[in-house]
C-alpha atoms as a PDB file:
ATOM      1  CA  MET A   1     -90.687  82.910  26.708  1.00  0.00           C
ATOM      2  CA  ASP A   2     -93.372  80.604  25.367  1.00  0.00           C
ATOM      3  CA  PRO A   3     -96.289  80.595  27.866  1.00  0.00           C
ATOM      4  CA  TRP A   4     -98.808  79.638  25.159  1.00  0.00           C
ATOM      5  CA  GLN A   5     -96.907  76.608  23.888  1.00  0.00           C
ATOM      6  CA  GLY A   6     -99.877  74.253  24.308  1.00  0.00           C
ATOM      7  CA  TRP A   7    -102.160  76.464  22.227  1.00  0.00           C
ATOM      8  CA  ASN A   8     -99.410  77.160  19.723  1.00  0.00           C
ATOM      9  CA  LYS A   9     -98.584  73.524  19.030  1.00  0.00           C
ATOM     10  CA  GLY A  10    -102.236  72.600  18.669  1.00  0.00           C
ATOM     11  CA  THR A  11    -102.879  75.483  16.302  1.00  0.00           C
ATOM     12  CA  GLN A  12     -99.763  74.710  14.274  1.00  0.00           C
ATOM     13  CA  SER A  13    -100.983  71.125  13.904  1.00  0.00           C
ATOM     14  CA  PHE A  14    -104.372  72.413  12.689  1.00  0.00           C
ATOM     15  CA  ASN A  15    -102.719  74.783  10.217  1.00  0.00           C
ATOM     16  CA  ASP A  16    -100.458  72.018   8.892  1.00  0.00           C
ATOM     17  CA  SER A  17    -103.449  69.736   8.385  1.00  0.00           C
ATOM     18  CA  PHE A  18    -105.412  72.465   6.603  1.00  0.00           C
ATOM     19  CA  ASP A  19    -102.435  73.204   4.389  1.00  0.00           C
ATOM     20  CA  LYS A  20    -101.827  69.531   3.579  1.00  0.00           C
ATOM     21  CA  HIS A  21    -105.391  68.621   2.689  1.00  0.00           C
ATOM     22  CA  ILE A  22    -106.802  71.841   1.233  1.00  0.00           C
ATOM     23  CA  LEU A  23    -104.445  74.728   0.581  1.00  0.00           C
ATOM     24  CA  LYS A  24    -101.519  72.893  -0.948  1.00  0.00           C
ATOM     25  CA  PRO A  25    -103.615  70.768  -3.369  1.00  0.00           C
ATOM     26  CA  VAL A  26    -105.333  73.945  -4.577  1.00  0.00           C
ATOM     27  CA  ALA A  27    -101.950  75.631  -5.048  1.00  0.00           C
ATOM     28  CA  VAL A  28    -100.618  72.631  -6.974  1.00  0.00           C
ATOM     29  CA  GLY A  29    -103.668  72.748  -9.251  1.00  0.00           C
ATOM     30  CA  TYR A  30    -103.145  76.470  -9.726  1.00  0.00           C
ATOM     31  CA  LEU A  31     -99.585  75.877 -10.907  1.00  0.00           C
ATOM     32  CA  HIS A  32    -100.799  73.228 -13.358  1.00  0.00           C
ATOM     33  CA  VAL A  33    -103.284  75.547 -15.065  1.00  0.00           C
ATOM     34  CA  THR A  34    -101.127  78.692 -15.188  1.00  0.00           C
ATOM     35  CA  ASN A  35     -97.873  79.308 -16.975  1.00  0.00           C
ATOM     36  CA  SER A  36     -94.957  81.207 -15.460  1.00  0.00           C
ATOM     37  CA  ALA A  37     -95.947  84.506 -17.137  1.00  0.00           C
ATOM     38  CA  VAL A  38     -99.476  84.437 -15.704  1.00  0.00           C
ATOM     39  CA  ASP A  39     -98.224  83.384 -12.280  1.00  0.00           C
ATOM     40  CA  LYS A  40     -95.684  86.214 -12.274  1.00  0.00           C
ATOM     41  CA  GLY A  41     -98.326  88.726 -13.348  1.00  0.00           C
ATOM     42  CA  VAL A  42    -100.678  87.702 -10.521  1.00  0.00           C
ATOM     43  CA  THR A  43     -97.843  87.964  -7.985  1.00  0.00           C
ATOM     44  CA  ASN A  44     -96.895  91.412  -9.300  1.00  0.00           C
ATOM     45  CA  PHE A  45    -100.505  92.600  -9.138  1.00  0.00           C
ATOM     46  CA  PHE A  46    -100.882  91.832  -5.429  1.00  0.00           C
ATOM     47  CA  SER A  47     -97.402  93.122  -4.690  1.00  0.00           C
ATOM     48  CA  ASN A  48     -98.370  96.417  -6.301  1.00  0.00           C
ATOM     49  CA  ILE A  49    -101.463  96.727  -4.093  1.00  0.00           C
ATOM     50  CA  ASN A  50     -99.267  95.995  -1.074  1.00  0.00           C
ATOM     51  CA  ASP A  51     -97.026  98.950  -1.952  1.00  0.00           C
ATOM     52  CA  ILE A  52     -99.800 101.287  -0.739  1.00  0.00           C
ATOM     53  CA  GLY A  53     -99.539  99.962   2.784  1.00  0.00           C
ATOM     54  CA  VAL A  54     -95.750  99.806   2.548  1.00  0.00           C
ATOM     55  CA  THR A  55     -95.610 103.496   1.652  1.00  0.00           C
ATOM     56  CA  ILE A  56     -97.856 104.505   4.568  1.00  0.00           C
ATOM     57  CA  ASN A  57     -95.739 102.479   6.986  1.00  0.00           C
ATOM     58  CA  ASP A  58     -92.600 104.095   5.531  1.00  0.00           C
ATOM     59  CA  ILE A  59     -94.009 107.480   6.482  1.00  0.00           C
ATOM     60  CA  LEU A  60     -95.113 106.297   9.943  1.00  0.00           C
ATOM     61  CA  GLN A  61     -91.530 105.125  10.528  1.00  0.00           C
ATOM     62  CA  LEU A  62     -90.093 108.445   9.254  1.00  0.00           C
ATOM     63  CA  LYS A  63     -88.426 106.709   6.294  1.00  0.00           C
ATOM     64  CA  LEU A  64     -89.329 109.483   3.893  1.00  0.00           C
ATOM     65  CA  LEU A  65     -86.777 108.651   1.190  1.00  0.00           C
ATOM     66  CA  GLN A  66     -87.885 105.037   1.112  1.00  0.00           C
ATOM     67  CA  GLY A  67     -91.499 106.182   1.135  1.00  0.00           C
ATOM     68  CA  GLY A  68     -90.829 108.282  -1.959  1.00  0.00           C
ATOM     69  CA  MET A  69     -89.324 105.249  -3.680  1.00  0.00           C
ATOM     70  CA  ASP A  70     -92.275 103.015  -2.801  1.00  0.00           C
ATOM     71  CA  ILE A  71     -94.968 105.469  -3.896  1.00  0.00           C
ATOM     72  CA  SER A  72     -93.011 105.891  -7.131  1.00  0.00           C
ATOM     73  CA  ARG A  73     -93.062 102.099  -7.542  1.00  0.00           C
ATOM     74  CA  PHE A  74     -96.823 102.089  -7.130  1.00  0.00           C
ATOM     75  CA  LEU A  75     -97.445 104.919  -9.600  1.00  0.00           C
ATOM     76  CA  ILE A  76     -95.117 103.497 -12.258  1.00  0.00           C
ATOM     77  CA  ASN A  77     -96.401  99.923 -12.009  1.00  0.00           C
ATOM     78  CA  THR A  78    -100.058 101.002 -11.833  1.00  0.00           C
ATOM     79  CA  THR A  79     -99.738 103.037 -15.038  1.00  0.00           C
ATOM     80  CA  ALA A  80     -96.943 101.663 -17.207  1.00  0.00           C
ATOM     81  CA  GLY A  81     -97.267  98.249 -15.585  1.00  0.00           C
ATOM     82  CA  VAL A  82    -100.979  97.930 -16.450  1.00  0.00           C
ATOM     83  CA  GLY A  83    -102.345  97.834 -12.924  1.00  0.00           C
ATOM     84  CA  GLY A  84     -99.206  96.251 -11.505  1.00  0.00           C
ATOM     85  CA  ILE A  85     -99.127  93.165 -13.717  1.00  0.00           C
ATOM     86  CA  PHE A  86     -95.660  94.167 -14.911  1.00  0.00           C
ATOM     87  CA  ASP A  87     -92.988  95.297 -12.465  1.00  0.00           C
ATOM     88  CA  TRP A  88     -91.329  98.043 -14.523  1.00  0.00           C
ATOM     89  CA  ALA A  89     -90.238  99.869 -11.365  1.00  0.00           C
ATOM     90  CA  ASN A  90     -87.793  97.099 -10.576  1.00  0.00           C
ATOM     91  CA  GLU A  91     -86.249  97.542 -14.018  1.00  0.00           C
ATOM     92  CA  ILE A  92     -85.329 101.147 -13.166  1.00  0.00           C
ATOM     93  CA  ASP A  93     -83.789 100.251  -9.793  1.00  0.00           C
ATOM     94  CA  LEU A  94     -86.799 100.878  -7.538  1.00  0.00           C
ATOM     95  CA  PRO A  95     -86.650  97.715  -5.397  1.00  0.00           C
ATOM     96  CA  LYS A  96     -89.512  96.152  -3.453  1.00  0.00           C
ATOM     97  CA  HIS A  97     -89.439  96.894   0.299  1.00  0.00           C
ATOM     98  CA  ASN A  98     -91.088  95.143   3.198  1.00  0.00           C
ATOM     99  CA  GLU A  99     -92.840  97.330   5.765  1.00  0.00           C
ATOM    100  CA  ASP A 100     -96.008  96.498   7.674  1.00  0.00           C
ATOM    101  CA  PHE A 101     -97.881  97.881  10.657  1.00  0.00           C
ATOM    102  CA  GLY A 102     -96.363  95.310  12.997  1.00  0.00           C
ATOM    103  CA  GLN A 103     -92.921  96.651  12.086  1.00  0.00           C
ATOM    104  CA  THR A 104     -94.172 100.187  12.634  1.00  0.00           C
ATOM    105  CA  LEU A 105     -95.302  99.293  16.155  1.00  0.00           C
ATOM    106  CA  GLY A 106     -91.906  97.707  16.792  1.00  0.00           C
ATOM    107  CA  TYR A 107     -90.131 100.776  15.462  1.00  0.00           C
ATOM    108  CA  TRP A 108     -91.843 102.916  18.088  1.00  0.00           C
ATOM    109  CA  GLY A 109     -90.976 100.559  20.924  1.00  0.00           C
ATOM    110  CA  VAL A 110     -94.070  98.384  21.302  1.00  0.00           C
ATOM    111  CA  PRO A 111     -92.872  95.029  22.733  1.00  0.00           C
ATOM    112  CA  ALA A 112     -93.556  91.896  20.704  1.00  0.00           C
ATOM    113  CA  GLY A 113     -94.949  89.814  23.556  1.00  0.00           C
ATOM    114  CA  PRO A 114     -94.882  85.994  23.653  1.00  0.00           C
ATOM    115  CA  TYR A 115     -94.816  83.846  20.550  1.00  0.00           C
ATOM    116  CA  LEU A 116     -98.318  83.165  19.216  1.00  0.00           C
ATOM    117  CA  VAL A 117     -99.595  80.882  16.448  1.00  0.00           C
ATOM    118  CA  LEU A 118    -102.811  82.094  14.805  1.00  0.00           C
ATOM    119  CA  PRO A 119    -105.293  79.831  13.000  1.00  0.00           C
ATOM    120  CA  PHE A 120    -104.705  80.052   9.230  1.00  0.00           C
ATOM    121  CA  PHE A 121    -102.239  82.972   9.590  1.00  0.00           C
ATOM    122  CA  GLY A 122     -99.516  80.978  11.340  1.00  0.00           C
ATOM    123  CA  ALA A 123     -96.572  82.347  13.337  1.00  0.00           C
ATOM    124  CA  SER A 124     -97.123  85.712  15.020  1.00  0.00           C
ATOM    125  CA  THR A 125     -96.940  87.674  18.276  1.00  0.00           C
ATOM    126  CA  PRO A 126     -99.510  89.917  20.014  1.00  0.00           C
ATOM    127  CA  ARG A 127     -97.823  92.945  18.430  1.00  0.00           C
ATOM    128  CA  ASP A 128     -97.910  91.430  14.952  1.00  0.00           C
ATOM    129  CA  THR A 129    -101.519  90.344  15.461  1.00  0.00           C
ATOM    130  CA  VAL A 130    -102.466  93.977  16.034  1.00  0.00           C
ATOM    131  CA  GLY A 131    -100.295  94.733  13.009  1.00  0.00           C
ATOM    132  CA  LEU A 132    -102.460  92.442  10.889  1.00  0.00           C
ATOM    133  CA  LEU A 133    -105.508  94.524  11.799  1.00  0.00           C
ATOM    134  CA  GLY A 134    -103.629  97.707  10.930  1.00  0.00           C
ATOM    135  CA  ASP A 135    -102.580  96.278   7.572  1.00  0.00           C
ATOM    136  CA  ALA A 136    -106.200  95.370   6.830  1.00  0.00           C
ATOM    137  CA  PHE A 137    -107.158  99.030   7.179  1.00  0.00           C
ATOM    138  CA  LEU A 138    -104.365  99.949   4.755  1.00  0.00           C
ATOM    139  CA  ASP A 139    -105.555  97.432   2.139  1.00  0.00           C
ATOM    140  CA  PRO A 140    -107.802  98.951  -0.578  1.00  0.00           C
ATOM    141  CA  LEU A 141    -109.610  95.618  -0.941  1.00  0.00           C
ATOM    142  CA  THR A 142    -110.986  96.053   2.588  1.00  0.00           C
ATOM    143  CA  TYR A 143    -112.879  99.151   1.487  1.00  0.00           C
ATOM    144  CA  VAL A 144    -114.097  97.473  -1.695  1.00  0.00           C
ATOM    145  CA  SER A 145    -115.638  94.803   0.529  1.00  0.00           C
ATOM    146  CA  ILE A 146    -117.179  97.339   2.952  1.00  0.00           C
ATOM    147  CA  PHE A 147    -118.621  99.802   0.454  1.00  0.00           C
ATOM    148  CA  GLY A 148    -118.997  97.633  -2.647  1.00  0.00           C
ATOM    149  CA  GLY A 149    -122.139  95.774  -1.598  1.00  0.00           C
ATOM    150  CA  LEU A 150    -122.678  92.176  -2.637  1.00  0.00           C
ATOM    151  CA  ALA A 151    -120.650  92.531  -5.819  1.00  0.00           C
ATOM    152  CA  GLY A 152    -117.782  94.060  -3.845  1.00  0.00           C
ATOM    153  CA  ASN A 153    -117.859  91.246  -1.292  1.00  0.00           C
ATOM    154  CA  ILE A 154    -117.810  88.575  -3.980  1.00  0.00           C
ATOM    155  CA  ALA A 155    -114.982  90.299  -5.812  1.00  0.00           C
ATOM    156  CA  THR A 156    -112.976  90.692  -2.608  1.00  0.00           C
ATOM    157  CA  ILE A 157    -113.437  87.068  -1.583  1.00  0.00           C
ATOM    158  CA  GLY A 158    -112.382  85.857  -5.019  1.00  0.00           C
ATOM    159  CA  THR A 159    -109.406  88.202  -5.131  1.00  0.00           C
ATOM    160  CA  SER A 160    -108.270  87.210  -1.638  1.00  0.00           C
ATOM    161  CA  ALA A 161    -108.567  83.516  -2.476  1.00  0.00           C
ATOM    162  CA  LEU A 162    -106.429  84.067  -5.556  1.00  0.00           C
ATOM    163  CA  ASP A 163    -103.892  86.007  -3.498  1.00  0.00           C
ATOM    164  CA  VAL A 164    -103.575  83.214  -0.911  1.00  0.00           C
ATOM    165  CA  THR A 165    -103.355  80.531  -3.602  1.00  0.00           C
ATOM    166  CA  ASP A 166    -100.698  82.447  -5.507  1.00  0.00           C
ATOM    167  CA  TYR A 167     -98.700  83.009  -2.325  1.00  0.00           C
ATOM    168  CA  ARG A 168     -98.891  79.325  -1.342  1.00  0.00           C
ATOM    169  CA  ALA A 169     -97.780  78.293  -4.816  1.00  0.00           C
ATOM    170  CA  GLY A 170     -94.778  80.579  -4.491  1.00  0.00           C
ATOM    171  CA  VAL A 171     -93.419  78.948  -1.330  1.00  0.00           C
ATOM    172  CA  MET A 172     -93.357  75.311  -2.428  1.00  0.00           C
ATOM    173  CA  SER A 173     -89.580  75.195  -2.385  1.00  0.00           C
ATOM    174  CA  SER A 174     -89.460  76.313   1.260  1.00  0.00           C
ATOM    175  CA  GLU A 175     -90.835  72.966   2.364  1.00  0.00           C
ATOM    176  CA  LYS A 176     -87.476  71.376   1.639  1.00  0.00           C
ATOM    177  CA  VAL A 177     -85.848  73.873   3.986  1.00  0.00           C
ATOM    178  CA  VAL A 178     -88.206  72.809   6.762  1.00  0.00           C
ATOM    179  CA  ASN A 179     -87.602  69.110   6.101  1.00  0.00           C
ATOM    180  CA  GLU A 180     -83.836  69.474   6.196  1.00  0.00           C
ATOM    181  CA  ALA A 181     -83.499  71.987   9.044  1.00  0.00           C
ATOM    182  CA  THR A 182     -86.061  70.964  11.648  1.00  0.00           C
ATOM    183  CA  ASP A 183     -84.464  67.645  12.630  1.00  0.00           C
ATOM    184  CA  GLY A 184     -87.650  66.519  14.341  1.00  0.00           C
ATOM    185  CA  ASN A 185     -88.311  69.796  16.156  1.00  0.00           C
ATOM    186  CA  ARG A 186     -90.294  71.734  13.602  1.00  0.00           C
ATOM    187  CA  TYR A 187     -92.145  73.867  16.164  1.00  0.00           C
ATOM    188  CA  ASP A 188     -89.013  75.394  17.710  1.00  0.00           C
ATOM    189  CA  PHE A 189     -87.416  75.869  14.301  1.00  0.00           C
ATOM    190  CA  ILE A 190     -90.347  77.891  12.961  1.00  0.00           C
ATOM    191  CA  LYS A 191     -90.751  79.844  16.203  1.00  0.00           C
ATOM    192  CA  ASN A 192     -87.095  80.880  16.433  1.00  0.00           C
ATOM    193  CA  SER A 193     -86.846  81.613  12.710  1.00  0.00           C
ATOM    194  CA  TYR A 194     -89.962  83.782  12.785  1.00  0.00           C
ATOM    195  CA  LEU A 195     -88.928  85.824  15.826  1.00  0.00           C
ATOM    196  CA  GLN A 196     -85.411  86.407  14.474  1.00  0.00           C
ATOM    197  CA  HIS A 197     -86.768  87.353  11.065  1.00  0.00           C
ATOM    198  CA  ARG A 198     -89.169  89.908  12.523  1.00  0.00           C
ATOM    199  CA  GLU A 199     -86.434  91.510  14.619  1.00  0.00           C
ATOM    200  CA  TYR A 200     -84.272  91.659  11.488  1.00  0.00           C
ATOM    201  CA  LEU A 201     -87.013  93.477   9.577  1.00  0.00           C
ATOM    202  CA  ILE A 202     -87.888  95.875  12.403  1.00  0.00           C
ATOM    203  CA  HIS A 203     -84.256  96.952  12.747  1.00  0.00           C
ATOM    204  CA  ASP A 204     -83.689  97.082   8.964  1.00  0.00           C
ATOM    205  CA  GLY A 205     -81.123  94.318   8.990  1.00  0.00           C
ATOM    206  CA  ASN A 206     -79.229  95.629  12.041  1.00  0.00           C
ATOM    207  CA  PRO A 207     -80.828  94.024  15.123  1.00  0.00           C
ATOM    208  CA  PRO A 208     -79.328  94.773  18.551  1.00  0.00           C
ATOM    209  CA  ASN A 209     -76.328  92.632  19.434  1.00  0.00           C
ATOM    210  CA  GLU A 210     -76.967  89.866  21.892  1.00  0.00           C
ATOM    211  CA  ILE A 211     -74.386  88.558  24.354  1.00  0.00           C
ATOM    212  CA  ASP A 212     -72.852  85.325  23.132  1.00  0.00           C
ATOM    213  CA  PRO A 213     -72.984  82.726  25.939  1.00  0.00           C
ATOM    214  CA  LEU A 214     -69.458  81.674  24.949  1.00  0.00           C
ATOM    215  CA  ASP A 215     -68.228  85.169  25.820  1.00  0.00           C
ATOM    216  CA  VAL A 216     -69.547  85.023  29.381  1.00  0.00           C
ATOM    217  CA  ASP A 217     -66.995  83.876  31.978  1.00  0.00           C
ATOM    218  CA  GLU A 218     -67.776  81.432  34.756  1.00  0.00           C
ATOM    219  CA  SER A 219     -68.475  84.210  37.233  1.00  0.00           C
ATOM    220  CA  GLY A 220     -71.295  85.476  35.041  1.00  0.00           C
ATOM    221  CA  GLY A 221     -69.452  88.514  33.720  1.00  0.00           C
ATOM    222  CA  ASP A 222     -69.011  89.313  30.054  1.00  0.00           C
ATOM    223  CA  SER A 223     -65.427  88.774  28.968  1.00  0.00           C
ATOM    224  CA  SER A 224     -65.760  90.350  25.518  1.00  0.00           C
ATOM    225  CA  ASP A 225     -64.177  93.735  24.930  1.00  0.00           C
ATOM    226  CA  ASP A 226     -67.214  95.333  23.337  1.00  0.00           C
ATOM    227  CA  ALA A 227     -69.944  93.946  25.556  1.00  0.00           C
ATOM    228  CA  GLY A 228     -69.998  96.809  28.054  1.00  0.00           C
ATOM    229  CA  ASN A 229     -72.823  96.598  30.513  1.00  0.00           C
ATOM    230  CA  GLY A 230     -74.474  93.226  29.983  1.00  0.00           C
ATOM    231  CA  SER A 231     -77.891  94.496  30.972  1.00  0.00           C
ATOM    232  CA  GLU A 232     -77.766  97.040  28.186  1.00  0.00           C
ATOM    233  CA  ASN A 233     -76.957  94.491  25.488  1.00  0.00           C
ATOM    234  CA  LYS A 234     -79.548  91.870  26.254  1.00  0.00           C
ATOM    235  CA  ASN A 235     -82.375  91.677  23.756  1.00  0.00           C
ATOM    236  CA  ASP A 236     -85.639  91.983  25.684  1.00  0.00           C
ATOM    237  CA  ASN A 237     -87.695  91.055  22.606  1.00  0.00           C
ATOM    238  CA  SER A 238     -88.864  94.636  22.287  1.00  0.00           C
ATOM    239  CA  ALA A 239     -87.845  97.064  19.613  1.00  0.00           C
ATOM    240  CA  LYS A 240     -86.590 100.551  20.285  1.00  0.00           C
ATOM    241  CA  PRO A 241     -87.242 103.539  18.016  1.00  0.00           C
ATOM    242  CA  MET A 242     -84.563 104.036  15.430  1.00  0.00           C
ATOM    243  CA  PRO A 243     -83.141 107.537  15.020  1.00  0.00           C
ATOM    244  CA  PRO A 244     -84.931 109.410  12.230  1.00  0.00           C
ATOM    245  CA  ASN A 245     -81.668 110.515  10.635  1.00  0.00           C
ATOM    246  CA  SER A 246     -80.107 107.073  10.598  1.00  0.00           C
ATOM    247  CA  ASN A 247     -77.972 106.431   7.534  1.00  0.00           C
ATOM    248  CA  LYS A 248     -78.598 102.678   7.609  1.00  0.00           C
ATOM    249  CA  GLN A 249     -80.160 101.480   4.393  1.00  0.00           C
ATOM    250  CA  PRO A 250     -83.104  99.104   4.772  1.00  0.00           C
ATOM    251  CA  PRO A 251     -82.635  95.656   3.289  1.00  0.00           C
ATOM    252  CA  VAL A 252     -84.324  94.911  -0.002  1.00  0.00           C
ATOM    253  CA  GLN A 253     -87.045  92.381   0.671  1.00  0.00           C
ATOM    254  CA  ASN A 254     -89.371  90.676  -1.788  1.00  0.00           C
ATOM    255  CA  ASN A 255     -91.494  88.909   0.811  1.00  0.00           C
ATOM    256  CA  ILE A 256     -94.708  90.707   1.699  1.00  0.00           C
ATOM    257  CA  ARG A 257     -96.113  88.583   4.498  1.00  0.00           C
ATOM    258  CA  HIS A 258     -95.902  88.525   8.242  1.00  0.00           C
ATOM    259  CA  ASP A 259     -95.222  84.817   8.415  1.00  0.00           C
ATOM    260  CA  LEU A 260     -92.206  82.940   7.114  1.00  0.00           C
ATOM    261  CA  ASP A 261     -92.408  80.975   3.896  1.00  0.00           C
ATOM    262  CA  LEU A 262     -92.566  77.780   5.929  1.00  0.00           C
ATOM    263  CA  LYS A 263     -95.516  75.482   5.484  1.00  0.00           C
ATOM    264  CA  ALA A 264     -96.329  71.834   5.981  1.00  0.00           C
ATOM    265  CA  PRO A 265     -93.569  69.622   4.554  1.00  0.00           C
ATOM    266  CA  ASP A 266     -94.161  67.178   1.741  1.00  0.00           C
ATOM    267  CA  GLU A 267     -94.889  63.631   2.713  1.00  0.00           C
ATOM    268  CA  LYS A 268     -92.016  61.265   2.210  1.00  0.00           C
ATOM    269  CA  GLN A 269     -92.356  59.200  -0.844  1.00  0.00           C
END
């Protein structure tokens, strides 16, 4: 289902152009003026702020044990880690998790809707677009901007610009993946990768099984032993609530964005 393909391809082209001519050059300059220790500290700082929203989404998804781990990460890194610059929580086996409001909506059964490319933000869906708004309300920097006056607005703009630049600098290597995997169809590659990745996150690494077309006989029936009723196994692109007492362990994720780490590829030399 891709009813907005015309809009999506045009917006993706705009995003690629913006990345090529503005965002990537700034990120390259950032890497030239910072060493690895400073770059790591900046990444850790924003990751620590993100743990606030992650913890709230843990609770909204009834993942109380994981929520306890993530709030512990935040407290340890904010204090011993000097505001999150150092990730001491990871050293004591408190891994970084990935939870956002879009995943929370998916957990409670809100359908994703058609694929959608947003200006500047990139790959998304209607559900994840609403999730972006929810995440903004869970971000402390939003309230600094609202209640901090002019100084707060300036500080928030500068901090957000640094966050975006640091993130873009951290995904340089992903461009090679795009170059090698797209085979001339970059749009479909990013779309399919994004949708699969989001389903993977929503279901904590255990997305519903889909019927393999190779297992369907010529009459249209499913020939596999474990397929059961085909209509019950098809993925309708909507998530179903996971049982609160599930013993499945969520995957450890270090990425903290909605979109994939896939940006405009380097120009061929």
